[in-house]
Amino acid sequence: MLNYVAILWVNYLVFGPWKDPQGMNFPLSAHFEPAAILPTLGNTRVHLGLLFALIIAVVLWYVLRRSRWGYEVTVIGEVLGRHVMPA
């Protein structure tokens, strides 16, 4: 649903703050510094972002399943689902 927003956001970044000064007016971004790039896992193109995402997913699952706040979120979702769906 937010495809157009994402496209416009990337266009803004490529043509704006990330535009390569030596790009001869082509819509390219400058290369990032090596310190700004996450290290890869082995000889693959997969970087540590995948590991971070998996850790965050497990923590979020644990919080939603084992905490009072997660229980409240689940109950509110069930109540709203009953009122929205036609009977």
N, C-alpha and C. Protein backbone atom coordinates (compact mmCIF):
# COMPACT_ATOMS: atom_id res chain seq x y z
N MET A 1 0.81 -1.19 0.00
CA MET A 1 0.00 0.00 0.00
C MET A 1 0.86 1.26 0.00
N LEU A 2 2.04 1.15 0.51
CA LEU A 2 2.92 2.32 0.56
C LEU A 2 3.98 2.30 -0.54
N ASN A 3 3.69 1.61 -1.66
CA ASN A 3 4.67 1.53 -2.74
C ASN A 3 5.00 2.91 -3.30
N TYR A 4 4.00 3.72 -3.52
CA TYR A 4 4.25 5.04 -4.09
C TYR A 4 5.04 5.92 -3.12
N VAL A 5 4.75 5.80 -1.86
CA VAL A 5 5.49 6.57 -0.87
C VAL A 5 6.95 6.13 -0.85
N ALA A 6 7.20 4.83 -0.91
CA ALA A 6 8.57 4.33 -0.92
C ALA A 6 9.31 4.78 -2.17
N ILE A 7 8.66 4.73 -3.33
CA ILE A 7 9.29 5.17 -4.57
C ILE A 7 9.62 6.66 -4.50
N LEU A 8 8.70 7.46 -4.03
CA LEU A 8 8.97 8.90 -3.92
C LEU A 8 10.07 9.19 -2.91
N TRP A 9 10.11 8.43 -1.83
CA TRP A 9 11.16 8.62 -0.81
C TRP A 9 12.54 8.30 -1.39
N VAL A 10 12.64 7.20 -2.11
CA VAL A 10 13.93 6.84 -2.72
C VAL A 10 14.30 7.85 -3.79
N ASN A 11 13.35 8.31 -4.59
CA ASN A 11 13.65 9.34 -5.58
C ASN A 11 14.17 10.61 -4.91
N TYR A 12 13.55 11.00 -3.82
CA TYR A 12 14.02 12.18 -3.10
C TYR A 12 15.46 12.00 -2.64
N LEU A 13 15.77 10.83 -2.07
CA LEU A 13 17.12 10.61 -1.57
C LEU A 13 18.15 10.55 -2.69
N VAL A 14 17.82 9.88 -3.81
CA VAL A 14 18.78 9.74 -4.91
C VAL A 14 19.00 11.07 -5.62
N PHE A 15 17.95 11.83 -5.82
CA PHE A 15 18.10 13.12 -6.49
C PHE A 15 18.44 14.25 -5.53
N GLY A 16 18.40 14.00 -4.24
CA GLY A 16 18.65 15.04 -3.25
C GLY A 16 19.91 14.82 -2.45
N PRO A 17 19.77 14.48 -1.16
CA PRO A 17 20.93 14.43 -0.28
C PRO A 17 21.94 13.34 -0.63
N TRP A 18 21.54 12.24 -1.24
CA TRP A 18 22.48 11.16 -1.56
C TRP A 18 23.06 11.25 -2.97
N LYS A 19 22.75 12.31 -3.71
CA LYS A 19 23.20 12.42 -5.09
C LYS A 19 24.72 12.50 -5.14
N ASP A 20 25.30 11.76 -6.09
CA ASP A 20 26.75 11.72 -6.24
C ASP A 20 27.22 13.02 -6.90
N PRO A 21 28.10 13.79 -6.24
CA PRO A 21 28.58 15.04 -6.85
C PRO A 21 29.38 14.80 -8.12
N GLN A 22 30.06 13.67 -8.24
CA GLN A 22 30.82 13.35 -9.45
C GLN A 22 30.02 12.47 -10.41
N GLY A 23 28.73 12.41 -10.28
CA GLY A 23 27.89 11.53 -11.08
C GLY A 23 27.52 12.07 -12.44
N MET A 24 28.01 13.24 -12.84
CA MET A 24 27.73 13.87 -14.13
C MET A 24 26.22 13.95 -14.40
N ASN A 25 25.48 14.29 -13.36
CA ASN A 25 24.03 14.51 -13.40
C ASN A 25 23.22 13.25 -13.68
N PHE A 26 23.80 12.06 -13.51
CA PHE A 26 23.04 10.83 -13.58
C PHE A 26 22.42 10.58 -12.21
N PRO A 27 21.23 10.00 -12.15
CA PRO A 27 20.59 9.75 -10.84
C PRO A 27 21.21 8.56 -10.12
N LEU A 28 22.40 8.73 -9.64
CA LEU A 28 23.10 7.70 -8.88
C LEU A 28 23.45 8.25 -7.52
N SER A 29 23.48 7.38 -6.54
CA SER A 29 23.93 7.81 -5.22
C SER A 29 25.43 7.53 -5.11
N ALA A 30 26.09 8.29 -4.27
CA ALA A 30 27.51 8.08 -4.04
C ALA A 30 27.69 6.78 -3.26
N HIS A 31 28.87 6.18 -3.39
CA HIS A 31 29.15 4.96 -2.64
C HIS A 31 29.27 5.30 -1.16
N PHE A 32 28.75 4.41 -0.32
CA PHE A 32 28.85 4.62 1.11
C PHE A 32 30.25 4.28 1.58
N GLU A 33 30.64 4.89 2.67
CA GLU A 33 31.93 4.60 3.27
C GLU A 33 31.93 3.16 3.78
N PRO A 34 33.07 2.49 3.76
CA PRO A 34 33.12 1.10 4.26
C PRO A 34 32.69 0.98 5.73
N ALA A 35 32.88 2.02 6.51
CA ALA A 35 32.47 1.97 7.92
C ALA A 35 30.95 2.01 8.07
N ALA A 36 30.23 2.45 7.04
CA ALA A 36 28.77 2.55 7.12
C ALA A 36 28.06 1.30 6.61
N ILE A 37 28.82 0.31 6.14
CA ILE A 37 28.23 -0.90 5.57
C ILE A 37 28.39 -2.03 6.58
N LEU A 38 27.30 -2.79 6.80
CA LEU A 38 27.36 -3.93 7.71
C LEU A 38 28.23 -5.03 7.12
N PRO A 39 28.96 -5.75 7.96
CA PRO A 39 29.78 -6.84 7.45
C PRO A 39 28.92 -8.00 6.95
N THR A 40 29.44 -8.72 5.96
CA THR A 40 28.70 -9.84 5.39
C THR A 40 28.98 -11.12 6.17
N LEU A 41 28.10 -12.09 5.99
CA LEU A 41 28.25 -13.38 6.64
C LEU A 41 28.93 -14.34 5.68
N GLY A 42 30.19 -14.61 5.89
CA GLY A 42 30.95 -15.51 5.02
C GLY A 42 31.20 -14.88 3.66
N ASN A 43 31.14 -15.71 2.62
CA ASN A 43 31.36 -15.23 1.25
C ASN A 43 30.05 -15.00 0.52
N THR A 44 29.01 -14.63 1.24
CA THR A 44 27.71 -14.39 0.64
C THR A 44 27.42 -12.90 0.61
N ARG A 45 26.29 -12.54 0.02
CA ARG A 45 25.87 -11.14 0.01
C ARG A 45 24.99 -10.81 1.21
N VAL A 46 24.72 -11.80 2.04
CA VAL A 46 23.89 -11.61 3.23
C VAL A 46 24.73 -10.90 4.30
N HIS A 47 24.17 -9.85 4.88
CA HIS A 47 24.91 -9.12 5.91
C HIS A 47 24.24 -9.28 7.27
N LEU A 48 24.79 -8.64 8.27
CA LEU A 48 24.31 -8.79 9.65
C LEU A 48 22.89 -8.29 9.85
N GLY A 49 22.34 -7.54 8.91
CA GLY A 49 20.97 -7.07 9.01
C GLY A 49 19.98 -8.22 9.13
N LEU A 50 20.26 -9.33 8.45
CA LEU A 50 19.40 -10.51 8.57
C LEU A 50 19.43 -11.05 9.99
N LEU A 51 20.59 -11.14 10.58
CA LEU A 51 20.71 -11.62 11.96
C LEU A 51 19.99 -10.67 12.93
N PHE A 52 20.15 -9.36 12.73
CA PHE A 52 19.45 -8.38 13.57
C PHE A 52 17.94 -8.55 13.45
N ALA A 53 17.43 -8.74 12.23
CA ALA A 53 15.99 -8.89 12.02
C ALA A 53 15.46 -10.15 12.70
N LEU A 54 16.21 -11.24 12.61
CA LEU A 54 15.78 -12.48 13.27
C LEU A 54 15.75 -12.33 14.78
N ILE A 55 16.75 -11.68 15.35
CA ILE A 55 16.78 -11.45 16.80
C ILE A 55 15.61 -10.58 17.23
N ILE A 56 15.35 -9.52 16.50
CA ILE A 56 14.23 -8.63 16.84
C ILE A 56 12.90 -9.37 16.71
N ALA A 57 12.75 -10.24 15.71
CA ALA A 57 11.51 -11.01 15.54
C ALA A 57 11.29 -11.95 16.72
N VAL A 58 12.36 -12.61 17.19
CA VAL A 58 12.23 -13.51 18.33
C VAL A 58 11.89 -12.74 19.60
N VAL A 59 12.53 -11.59 19.81
CA VAL A 59 12.25 -10.78 21.00
C VAL A 59 10.81 -10.28 20.96
N LEU A 60 10.36 -9.83 19.79
CA LEU A 60 8.98 -9.35 19.68
C LEU A 60 7.98 -10.48 19.91
N TRP A 61 8.25 -11.67 19.36
CA TRP A 61 7.39 -12.81 19.60
C TRP A 61 7.31 -13.11 21.09
N TYR A 62 8.45 -13.10 21.77
CA TYR A 62 8.49 -13.40 23.20
C TYR A 62 7.69 -12.36 24.00
N VAL A 63 7.88 -11.08 23.65
CA VAL A 63 7.17 -10.02 24.37
C VAL A 63 5.67 -10.13 24.15
N LEU A 64 5.25 -10.42 22.91
CA LEU A 64 3.82 -10.51 22.64
C LEU A 64 3.19 -11.76 23.24
N ARG A 65 3.93 -12.83 23.43
CA ARG A 65 3.39 -14.07 23.97
C ARG A 65 3.49 -14.16 25.49
N ARG A 66 4.46 -13.52 26.09
CA ARG A 66 4.75 -13.76 27.50
C ARG A 66 4.56 -12.56 28.42
N SER A 67 4.13 -11.42 27.89
CA SER A 67 3.97 -10.25 28.76
C SER A 67 2.50 -9.86 28.86
N ARG A 68 2.22 -9.07 29.85
CA ARG A 68 0.85 -8.58 30.04
C ARG A 68 0.47 -7.67 28.87
N TRP A 69 1.40 -6.85 28.44
CA TRP A 69 1.14 -5.94 27.32
C TRP A 69 0.79 -6.74 26.06
N GLY A 70 1.53 -7.82 25.80
CA GLY A 70 1.23 -8.66 24.64
C GLY A 70 -0.13 -9.29 24.73
N TYR A 71 -0.52 -9.71 25.94
CA TYR A 71 -1.85 -10.27 26.14
C TYR A 71 -2.92 -9.22 25.84
N GLU A 72 -2.70 -8.00 26.31
CA GLU A 72 -3.67 -6.93 26.06
C GLU A 72 -3.79 -6.63 24.57
N VAL A 73 -2.68 -6.63 23.87
CA VAL A 73 -2.71 -6.40 22.42
C VAL A 73 -3.51 -7.50 21.74
N THR A 74 -3.31 -8.75 22.15
CA THR A 74 -4.03 -9.87 21.56
C THR A 74 -5.52 -9.77 21.83
N VAL A 75 -5.90 -9.45 23.06
CA VAL A 75 -7.32 -9.35 23.41
C VAL A 75 -7.98 -8.20 22.66
N ILE A 76 -7.32 -7.08 22.58
CA ILE A 76 -7.89 -5.94 21.85
C ILE A 76 -8.06 -6.29 20.38
N GLY A 77 -7.09 -6.99 19.81
CA GLY A 77 -7.21 -7.41 18.41
C GLY A 77 -8.36 -8.35 18.18
N GLU A 78 -8.60 -9.27 19.12
CA GLU A 78 -9.72 -10.20 18.98
C GLU A 78 -11.06 -9.48 19.10
N VAL A 79 -11.14 -8.52 20.01
CA VAL A 79 -12.39 -7.78 20.19
C VAL A 79 -12.67 -6.93 18.95
N LEU A 80 -11.67 -6.26 18.43
CA LEU A 80 -11.88 -5.44 17.23
C LEU A 80 -12.22 -6.30 16.04
N GLY A 81 -11.62 -7.48 15.93
CA GLY A 81 -11.91 -8.37 14.82
C GLY A 81 -13.35 -8.86 14.83
N ARG A 82 -13.93 -9.03 15.97
CA ARG A 82 -15.32 -9.48 16.05
C ARG A 82 -16.28 -8.40 15.63
N HIS A 83 -15.94 -7.16 15.92
CA HIS A 83 -16.86 -6.06 15.57
C HIS A 83 -16.75 -5.66 14.11
N VAL A 84 -15.61 -5.89 13.51
CA VAL A 84 -15.43 -5.50 12.12
C VAL A 84 -16.01 -6.53 11.18
N MET A 85 -15.86 -7.80 11.49
CA MET A 85 -16.35 -8.86 10.61
C MET A 85 -17.87 -8.95 10.68
N PRO A 86 -18.49 -9.15 9.53
CA PRO A 86 -19.96 -9.26 9.55
C PRO A 86 -20.39 -10.58 10.18
N ALA A 87 -21.50 -10.52 10.89
CA ALA A 87 -21.99 -11.71 11.61
C ALA A 87 -22.93 -12.51 10.78
